[in-house]
Amino acid sequence: MFRIQTMNKISPLGLELFPRERYEVASEIPHPDAILVRSADMHQTEIPESVKAVARAGAGFNNIPVPLCSERGIVVFNTPGGNANAVKELAITALLISSRNILGGIKWAASIADRADEVPELVEKGKSAFEGPELKGKVLGVVGLGAVGVMVANDAAALGMEVIGHDPYISVDAAWNLSRQVVRADTLEGLLAKSDYVTLHLPLNNATKGLLDAEKFRFMKKGARIVNLARGGLVNEADIIAALSSEKLSCYVTDFPSAELLACPRVIAIPHLGASTPEAEDNCAIMAVRQIIDFLETGAIRNSVNYPRCRLEQQPAYRLLVANRNIPNMVGQITTILAGVNINIAELINQHQEDYAYNIIDTEQKIPDSVLEQLRAIPGVIRVRTITQE
């Protein structure tokens, strides 16, 4: 029986995928095998020793202590693409409201509600104050071509925009899904120089923090507009307020308001609504649950943020799973110990991702506890687990 702890309200469509005969799911449960979380801050949470995986029902994972989990061999999953359509729809909305002063017009119309018979005439006289350019024919630069970025690029092209994209790390899957109408930009600076609108769809890390700042704004067209529904820290806040104040930029739409941004009249601040749809919550929960089930029952890893993608399709009666530091001769030491007790390896796969590696080893004999202890004693081995299908 596997035990799953939920740290937030998780969509029932996801939770009902756990087979009741093999899984116990609760918000308070002793010795959980895995944790399901959405937005709960786990940095101050004591994670039980029994936990083998943490799954975030969403794309971001800043609320999870990933380095600590990595050191303990806890695989952290996220659900990229689960909320992609929700974010894409908001991004298209952001392009429209950044371009035409729809929000200002709505607010002004509400202000004349008490003018009775004058309203029709006032509307005709006042509407010119809220005009703005169409999207069709304008250039959109999409920075980050993951699940969301690809969908935004494709839909913007369908709206008649000229779309250019920049992502030096684009995946094969994303490339297959990208419209042929989207033109590749070799550099970020080249994209910025050509774009009337720029939308950001990439993670926040040391390499991307403050990606758009005063230096980058110098490359941009006067009056360009920026949409950031990814992470607030991708844009230097003080620099963009200065660029808006000097009218270098026309508008900044962000899903991550601050007091300073709210005080800037050219900022359209949205209260982090990117993934706030019931469909997105359902999709992310379903993905997270399926990944946990696959990992606990077969050892397979997909969509992990700290350990490599790893899968062996055929699963015999005995399977050994080893997480270790990515250092030389780890596989050799593991196989030597198994060979020393005449355990034959049927299949083996080893994958690594930066500082960590993961092994799936299928054997023809059950591995004794004494051998598992030998494997755990290898310097650099972090976690050893077995799965038996009997």
Protein backbone atom coordinates (compact mmCIF):
# COMPACT_ATOMS: atom_id res chain seq x y z
CA MET A 1 0.00 0.00 0.00
CA PHE A 2 1.41 3.37 -1.06
CA ARG A 3 0.65 6.45 1.03
CA ILE A 4 0.16 9.87 -0.57
CA GLN A 5 0.04 13.13 1.38
CA THR A 6 -1.72 16.13 -0.14
CA MET A 7 -0.57 19.58 0.96
CA ASN A 8 -3.21 21.54 -0.94
CA LYS A 9 -6.66 20.94 -2.32
CA ILE A 10 -5.99 18.73 -5.35
CA SER A 11 -8.51 18.25 -8.14
CA PRO A 12 -10.67 15.13 -7.59
CA LEU A 13 -10.14 14.25 -11.26
CA GLY A 14 -6.51 13.63 -10.39
CA LEU A 15 -6.97 11.96 -7.02
CA GLU A 16 -9.50 9.46 -8.37
CA LEU A 17 -6.76 8.00 -10.59
CA PHE A 18 -5.05 6.46 -7.55
CA PRO A 19 -6.21 2.81 -7.39
CA ARG A 20 -7.92 2.50 -4.02
CA GLU A 21 -6.68 -1.02 -3.46
CA ARG A 22 -3.04 0.16 -3.63
CA TYR A 23 -3.09 3.78 -2.48
CA GLU A 24 -4.11 5.67 0.64
CA VAL A 25 -4.49 9.43 0.14
CA ALA A 26 -4.94 12.04 2.88
CA SER A 27 -3.78 15.50 3.96
CA GLU A 28 -2.52 14.05 7.25
CA ILE A 29 -0.91 10.65 6.87
CA PRO A 30 2.08 8.98 8.59
CA HIS A 31 5.13 7.89 6.59
CA PRO A 32 3.98 9.05 3.14
CA ASP A 33 5.67 7.65 0.05
CA ALA A 34 4.96 10.80 -1.95
CA ILE A 35 3.65 14.33 -1.51
CA LEU A 36 1.24 16.12 -3.85
CA VAL A 37 1.43 19.91 -3.63
CA ARG A 38 0.27 23.00 -5.48
CA SER A 39 1.24 26.31 -3.88
CA ALA A 40 2.03 25.34 -0.27
CA ASP A 41 5.47 26.54 0.83
CA MET A 42 7.53 23.45 1.67
CA HIS A 43 10.78 25.27 2.52
CA GLN A 44 9.99 25.26 6.24
CA THR A 45 8.30 21.83 6.16
CA GLU A 46 10.00 18.77 7.58
CA ILE A 47 9.83 16.16 4.84
CA PRO A 48 9.52 12.62 6.28
CA GLU A 49 12.31 10.12 5.55
CA SER A 50 9.76 7.87 3.86
CA VAL A 51 9.11 10.34 1.04
CA LYS A 52 10.43 9.22 -2.33
CA ALA A 53 8.81 11.84 -4.54
CA VAL A 54 7.21 15.28 -4.48
CA ALA A 55 4.88 16.21 -7.33
CA ARG A 56 3.91 19.82 -7.96
CA ALA A 57 0.56 20.17 -9.75
CA GLY A 58 1.84 23.10 -11.78
CA ALA A 59 4.86 24.19 -13.78
CA GLY A 60 6.67 26.30 -11.17
CA PHE A 61 8.52 24.70 -8.27
CA ASN A 62 9.92 27.63 -6.28
CA ASN A 63 7.85 26.52 -3.28
CA ILE A 64 9.74 23.21 -3.06
CA PRO A 65 13.25 22.85 -1.53
CA VAL A 66 14.67 21.16 -4.62
CA PRO A 67 18.36 21.08 -3.52
CA LEU A 68 17.41 19.39 -0.24
CA CYS A 69 15.25 16.86 -2.08
CA SER A 70 18.06 16.12 -4.52
CA GLU A 71 20.50 15.44 -1.68
CA ARG A 72 18.03 12.96 -0.19
CA GLY A 73 17.20 11.21 -3.45
CA ILE A 74 13.66 12.60 -3.52
CA VAL A 75 12.52 13.04 -7.11
CA VAL A 76 10.66 16.32 -7.67
CA PHE A 77 8.12 16.37 -10.47
CA ASN A 78 6.26 19.26 -12.07
CA THR A 79 3.60 19.31 -14.77
CA PRO A 80 4.83 21.40 -17.71
CA GLY A 81 2.07 21.93 -20.22
CA GLY A 82 -0.74 21.07 -17.84
CA ASN A 83 -1.74 24.71 -17.56
CA ALA A 84 -0.35 25.77 -20.94
CA ASN A 85 -3.66 26.52 -22.60
CA ALA A 86 -4.84 28.63 -19.66
CA VAL A 87 -1.65 30.72 -19.73
CA LYS A 88 -1.76 30.95 -23.52
CA GLU A 89 -5.29 32.36 -23.47
CA LEU A 90 -4.28 34.98 -20.90
CA ALA A 91 -1.19 35.86 -22.96
CA ILE A 92 -3.32 36.53 -26.04
CA THR A 93 -5.65 38.62 -23.86
CA ALA A 94 -2.60 40.52 -22.54
CA LEU A 95 -1.47 41.33 -26.08
CA LEU A 96 -4.89 42.78 -26.85
CA ILE A 97 -5.24 44.86 -23.69
CA SER A 98 -1.67 46.12 -23.99
CA SER A 99 -2.39 47.33 -27.51
CA ARG A 100 -5.89 48.81 -27.32
CA ASN A 101 -6.95 50.68 -24.19
CA ILE A 102 -9.87 48.35 -23.58
CA LEU A 103 -9.57 48.49 -19.79
CA GLY A 104 -9.47 52.28 -19.76
CA GLY A 105 -12.49 52.39 -22.03
CA ILE A 106 -14.46 50.06 -19.80
CA LYS A 107 -13.59 52.11 -16.72
CA TRP A 108 -14.56 55.38 -18.48
CA ALA A 109 -17.84 53.93 -19.74
CA ALA A 110 -18.76 52.93 -16.18
CA SER A 111 -18.06 56.50 -15.04
CA ILE A 112 -20.80 57.97 -17.26
CA ALA A 113 -23.50 55.52 -16.22
CA ASP A 114 -25.42 58.28 -14.45
CA ARG A 115 -25.60 60.56 -17.53
CA ALA A 116 -28.82 58.90 -18.75
CA ASP A 117 -29.81 60.08 -22.26
CA GLU A 118 -26.39 61.66 -22.82
CA VAL A 119 -24.58 58.31 -22.77
CA PRO A 120 -24.83 57.45 -26.51
CA GLU A 121 -23.47 60.87 -27.56
CA LEU A 122 -20.74 60.83 -24.90
CA VAL A 123 -19.62 57.37 -26.04
CA GLU A 124 -19.22 58.53 -29.63
CA LYS A 125 -17.30 61.62 -28.57
CA GLY A 126 -15.11 59.88 -26.00
CA LYS A 127 -14.15 56.66 -27.78
CA SER A 128 -11.17 58.17 -29.63
CA ALA A 129 -9.29 58.50 -26.34
CA PHE A 130 -9.06 54.72 -26.09
CA GLU A 131 -7.98 53.67 -29.56
CA GLY A 132 -4.90 51.55 -30.16
CA PRO A 133 -3.21 49.51 -32.92
CA GLU A 134 -4.31 46.13 -34.19
CA LEU A 135 -2.17 43.03 -33.66
CA LYS A 136 -2.38 41.91 -37.28
CA GLY A 137 0.82 42.65 -39.16
CA LYS A 138 2.80 43.51 -36.03
CA VAL A 139 5.90 41.63 -34.92
CA LEU A 140 5.68 39.47 -31.80
CA GLY A 141 8.84 38.18 -30.15
CA VAL A 142 8.34 35.05 -28.07
CA VAL A 143 11.17 34.41 -25.61
CA GLY A 144 11.04 30.79 -24.44
CA LEU A 145 9.49 28.12 -26.65
CA GLY A 146 8.29 25.57 -24.15
CA ALA A 147 4.72 24.31 -23.93
CA VAL A 148 3.22 27.79 -23.38
CA GLY A 149 5.53 29.71 -25.68
CA VAL A 150 4.84 27.42 -28.61
CA MET A 151 1.07 27.75 -28.16
CA VAL A 152 1.29 31.56 -27.92
CA ALA A 153 3.52 31.71 -31.01
CA ASN A 154 1.20 29.51 -33.06
CA ASP A 155 -1.98 31.36 -32.06
CA ALA A 156 -0.40 34.78 -32.62
CA ALA A 157 0.64 33.67 -36.10
CA ALA A 158 -2.95 32.56 -36.73
CA LEU A 159 -4.07 36.08 -35.74
CA GLY A 160 -1.90 37.49 -38.51
CA MET A 161 1.11 38.58 -36.47
CA GLU A 162 4.67 38.10 -37.68
CA VAL A 163 6.17 35.87 -34.99
CA ILE A 164 9.83 35.40 -34.15
CA GLY A 165 11.00 33.10 -31.39
CA HIS A 166 14.15 32.67 -29.34
CA ASP A 167 15.03 29.63 -27.24
CA PRO A 168 18.52 28.11 -27.40
CA TYR A 169 17.27 25.11 -25.41
CA ILE A 170 14.12 24.30 -27.37
CA SER A 171 13.14 20.64 -27.04
CA VAL A 172 12.51 18.31 -29.94
CA ASP A 173 8.84 17.98 -28.94
CA ALA A 174 8.40 21.76 -28.87
CA ALA A 175 10.11 22.15 -32.23
CA TRP A 176 7.74 19.60 -33.80
CA ASN A 177 4.72 21.54 -32.50
CA LEU A 178 5.93 24.98 -33.59
CA SER A 179 4.23 26.54 -36.63
CA ARG A 180 6.38 26.91 -39.74
CA GLN A 181 5.34 30.56 -39.77
CA VAL A 182 7.44 31.23 -36.65
CA VAL A 183 10.88 32.59 -37.55
CA ARG A 184 13.91 31.77 -35.42
CA ALA A 185 15.90 34.59 -33.81
CA ASP A 186 19.53 33.63 -33.18
CA THR A 187 19.94 36.11 -30.34
CA LEU A 188 17.71 37.74 -27.76
CA GLU A 189 18.99 41.16 -28.81
CA GLY A 190 18.02 40.46 -32.42
CA LEU A 191 14.51 39.49 -31.34
CA LEU A 192 14.10 42.60 -29.18
CA ALA A 193 15.22 44.91 -31.98
CA LYS A 194 12.56 43.62 -34.38
CA SER A 195 9.59 43.18 -32.04
CA ASP A 196 6.60 45.45 -31.51
CA TYR A 197 5.50 43.12 -28.71
CA VAL A 198 7.58 40.77 -26.54
CA THR A 199 6.15 37.96 -24.41
CA LEU A 200 8.20 35.94 -21.91
CA HIS A 201 7.70 32.21 -21.34
CA LEU A 202 10.75 30.83 -19.55
CA PRO A 203 11.69 29.75 -16.01
CA LEU A 204 13.32 31.98 -13.42
CA ASN A 205 16.84 30.90 -12.50
CA ASN A 206 20.28 32.41 -12.10
CA ALA A 207 20.68 32.69 -15.87
CA THR A 208 17.32 34.39 -16.51
CA LYS A 209 16.93 36.63 -13.46
CA GLY A 210 16.67 40.24 -14.65
CA LEU A 211 16.85 39.04 -18.27
CA LEU A 212 15.17 42.23 -19.48
CA ASP A 213 16.82 45.33 -18.03
CA ALA A 214 17.88 48.82 -19.07
CA GLU A 215 20.60 47.46 -21.36
CA LYS A 216 18.12 45.20 -23.19
CA PHE A 217 15.50 47.93 -23.43
CA ARG A 218 17.98 49.96 -25.48
CA PHE A 219 17.62 47.42 -28.29
CA MET A 220 13.84 47.69 -28.39
CA LYS A 221 11.65 49.83 -30.62
CA LYS A 222 10.22 53.00 -29.10
CA GLY A 223 6.68 52.24 -27.95
CA ALA A 224 7.13 48.45 -27.75
CA ARG A 225 5.01 46.44 -25.34
CA ILE A 226 6.09 43.63 -22.99
CA VAL A 227 3.99 40.79 -21.56
CA ASN A 228 5.34 38.77 -18.64
CA LEU A 229 3.14 35.94 -17.37
CA ALA A 230 6.09 33.69 -16.52
CA ARG A 231 7.92 35.06 -13.45
CA GLY A 232 8.22 38.60 -12.12
CA GLY A 233 11.98 38.35 -11.60
CA LEU A 234 12.63 37.94 -15.32
CA VAL A 235 12.27 41.72 -15.69
CA ASN A 236 14.24 44.31 -13.72
CA GLU A 237 11.41 46.20 -12.06
CA ALA A 238 13.14 49.55 -11.56
CA ASP A 239 14.45 49.53 -15.12
CA ILE A 240 11.11 48.82 -16.75
CA ILE A 241 9.36 51.50 -14.68
CA ALA A 242 12.00 53.95 -15.90
CA ALA A 243 11.54 52.80 -19.52
CA LEU A 244 7.76 53.22 -19.22
CA SER A 245 8.09 56.63 -17.60
CA SER A 246 10.36 57.87 -20.41
CA GLU A 247 7.92 56.42 -22.98
CA LYS A 248 10.61 54.14 -24.39
CA LEU A 249 8.03 51.40 -23.76
CA SER A 250 4.26 51.82 -24.10
CA CYS A 251 2.97 49.13 -21.77
CA TYR A 252 3.97 46.30 -19.45
CA VAL A 253 1.47 43.56 -18.66
CA THR A 254 2.49 41.37 -15.75
CA ASP A 255 0.91 38.61 -13.72
CA PHE A 256 3.15 39.52 -10.76
CA PRO A 257 2.15 42.91 -9.30
CA SER A 258 4.13 44.88 -6.73
CA ALA A 259 3.34 48.17 -5.05
CA GLU A 260 5.81 49.95 -7.33
CA LEU A 261 4.33 48.44 -10.50
CA LEU A 262 0.77 49.19 -9.39
CA ALA A 263 1.73 52.84 -9.01
CA CYS A 264 2.94 53.06 -12.63
CA PRO A 265 0.13 54.11 -15.01
CA ARG A 266 1.55 52.23 -17.99
CA VAL A 267 1.54 48.90 -16.14
CA ILE A 268 -1.40 46.53 -16.46
CA ALA A 269 -1.15 44.29 -13.40
CA ILE A 270 -3.04 41.00 -13.25
CA PRO A 271 -3.32 39.13 -9.92
CA HIS A 272 -1.44 35.97 -11.04
CA LEU A 273 -4.32 34.50 -13.03
CA GLY A 274 -2.19 32.61 -15.56
CA ALA A 275 -3.22 29.11 -14.50
CA SER A 276 -6.40 30.03 -12.63
CA THR A 277 -8.87 27.92 -14.56
CA PRO A 278 -10.61 24.74 -13.40
CA GLU A 279 -9.36 22.98 -16.54
CA ALA A 280 -5.73 23.82 -15.74
CA GLU A 281 -6.08 22.60 -12.16
CA ASP A 282 -7.61 19.35 -13.41
CA ASN A 283 -4.93 18.83 -16.07
CA CYS A 284 -2.04 19.49 -13.67
CA ALA A 285 -3.48 17.18 -11.01
CA ILE A 286 -3.97 14.38 -13.54
CA MET A 287 -0.39 14.74 -14.81
CA ALA A 288 1.07 14.86 -11.30
CA VAL A 289 -0.83 11.76 -10.14
CA ARG A 290 0.12 9.75 -13.22
CA GLN A 291 3.77 10.64 -12.75
CA ILE A 292 3.71 9.58 -9.10
CA ILE A 293 2.02 6.26 -9.92
CA ASP A 294 4.50 5.56 -12.70
CA PHE A 295 7.44 6.37 -10.44
CA LEU A 296 6.29 4.42 -7.38
CA GLU A 297 5.20 1.35 -9.35
CA THR A 298 7.86 1.18 -12.10
CA GLY A 299 10.60 3.61 -11.04
CA ALA A 300 10.19 5.62 -14.25
CA ILE A 301 10.97 9.34 -14.17
CA ARG A 302 9.48 11.95 -16.49
CA ASN A 303 9.09 15.68 -15.98
CA SER A 304 11.47 15.80 -13.04
CA VAL A 305 13.21 19.05 -12.19
CA ASN A 306 16.13 17.46 -10.33
CA TYR A 307 16.67 13.94 -11.70
CA PRO A 308 16.99 12.77 -15.32
CA ARG A 309 14.24 11.36 -17.47
CA CYS A 310 14.63 7.59 -17.23
CA ARG A 311 12.45 4.66 -18.27
CA LEU A 312 12.72 0.95 -19.06
CA GLU A 313 9.59 -0.32 -20.77
CA GLN A 314 9.88 -4.01 -19.94
CA GLN A 315 9.63 -4.81 -16.27
CA PRO A 316 10.42 -8.33 -15.02
CA ALA A 317 9.79 -9.57 -11.51
CA TYR A 318 12.69 -7.69 -9.92
CA ARG A 319 13.74 -4.09 -10.45
CA LEU A 320 16.51 -2.15 -8.67
CA LEU A 321 16.48 1.67 -8.59
CA VAL A 322 19.56 3.64 -7.59
CA ALA A 323 19.91 7.42 -7.30
CA ASN A 324 23.48 8.65 -7.00
CA ARG A 325 25.81 11.57 -7.53
CA ASN A 326 26.99 11.97 -11.10
CA ILE A 327 30.58 10.86 -10.54
CA PRO A 328 32.77 8.30 -12.36
CA ASN A 329 32.58 4.52 -11.87
CA MET A 330 29.21 4.44 -10.12
CA VAL A 331 27.66 1.95 -12.55
CA GLY A 332 30.79 -0.18 -12.41
CA GLN A 333 30.66 -0.42 -8.62
CA ILE A 334 26.95 -1.29 -8.63
CA THR A 335 27.27 -4.02 -11.26
CA THR A 336 30.39 -5.43 -9.57
CA ILE A 337 28.49 -5.93 -6.31
CA LEU A 338 25.61 -7.63 -8.14
CA ALA A 339 27.97 -9.88 -10.10
CA GLY A 340 29.75 -10.79 -6.88
CA VAL A 341 26.59 -12.52 -5.59
CA ASN A 342 25.71 -14.06 -9.00
CA ILE A 343 22.78 -11.74 -9.71
CA ASN A 344 22.31 -11.52 -13.47
CA ILE A 345 21.31 -8.16 -14.97
CA ALA A 346 18.60 -8.46 -17.62
CA GLU A 347 18.39 -4.76 -18.55
CA LEU A 348 20.09 -1.61 -17.32
CA ILE A 349 19.72 2.07 -18.08
CA ASN A 350 21.72 4.92 -16.54
CA GLN A 351 20.88 8.58 -17.10
CA HIS A 352 22.31 11.73 -15.58
CA GLN A 353 21.28 15.37 -15.20
CA GLU A 354 23.87 17.82 -13.94
CA ASP A 355 25.00 16.63 -10.48
CA TYR A 356 22.75 13.58 -10.18
CA ALA A 357 22.24 10.26 -11.91
CA TYR A 358 19.59 7.55 -11.83
CA ASN A 359 19.71 3.85 -12.65
CA ILE A 360 17.00 1.34 -13.46
CA ILE A 361 18.34 -2.23 -13.29
CA ASP A 362 16.19 -5.27 -14.02
CA THR A 363 17.47 -8.52 -12.55
CA GLU A 364 16.55 -12.17 -12.83
CA GLN A 365 16.85 -12.81 -9.10
CA LYS A 366 15.57 -11.04 -6.03
CA ILE A 367 18.28 -8.93 -4.44
CA PRO A 368 18.93 -9.83 -0.77
CA ASP A 369 18.77 -7.09 1.87
CA SER A 370 22.46 -7.59 2.61
CA VAL A 371 23.31 -6.68 -0.99
CA LEU A 372 21.09 -3.61 -0.85
CA GLU A 373 23.05 -2.47 2.19
CA GLN A 374 26.30 -2.90 0.24
CA LEU A 375 24.89 -0.74 -2.54
CA ARG A 376 23.82 1.95 -0.07
CA ALA A 377 27.34 1.97 1.36
CA ILE A 378 28.92 2.95 -1.97
CA PRO A 379 30.21 6.56 -1.66
CA GLY A 380 27.99 8.71 -3.82
CA VAL A 381 24.91 6.51 -3.66
CA ILE A 382 21.96 8.52 -2.32
CA ARG A 383 18.98 6.19 -2.39
CA VAL A 384 18.36 2.54 -3.20
CA ARG A 385 14.90 1.09 -3.79
CA THR A 386 13.54 -2.15 -5.18
CA ILE A 387 10.27 -3.07 -6.88
CA THR A 388 9.05 -6.64 -6.93
CA GLN A 389 6.28 -7.83 -9.25
CA GLU A 390 5.32 -11.20 -7.79
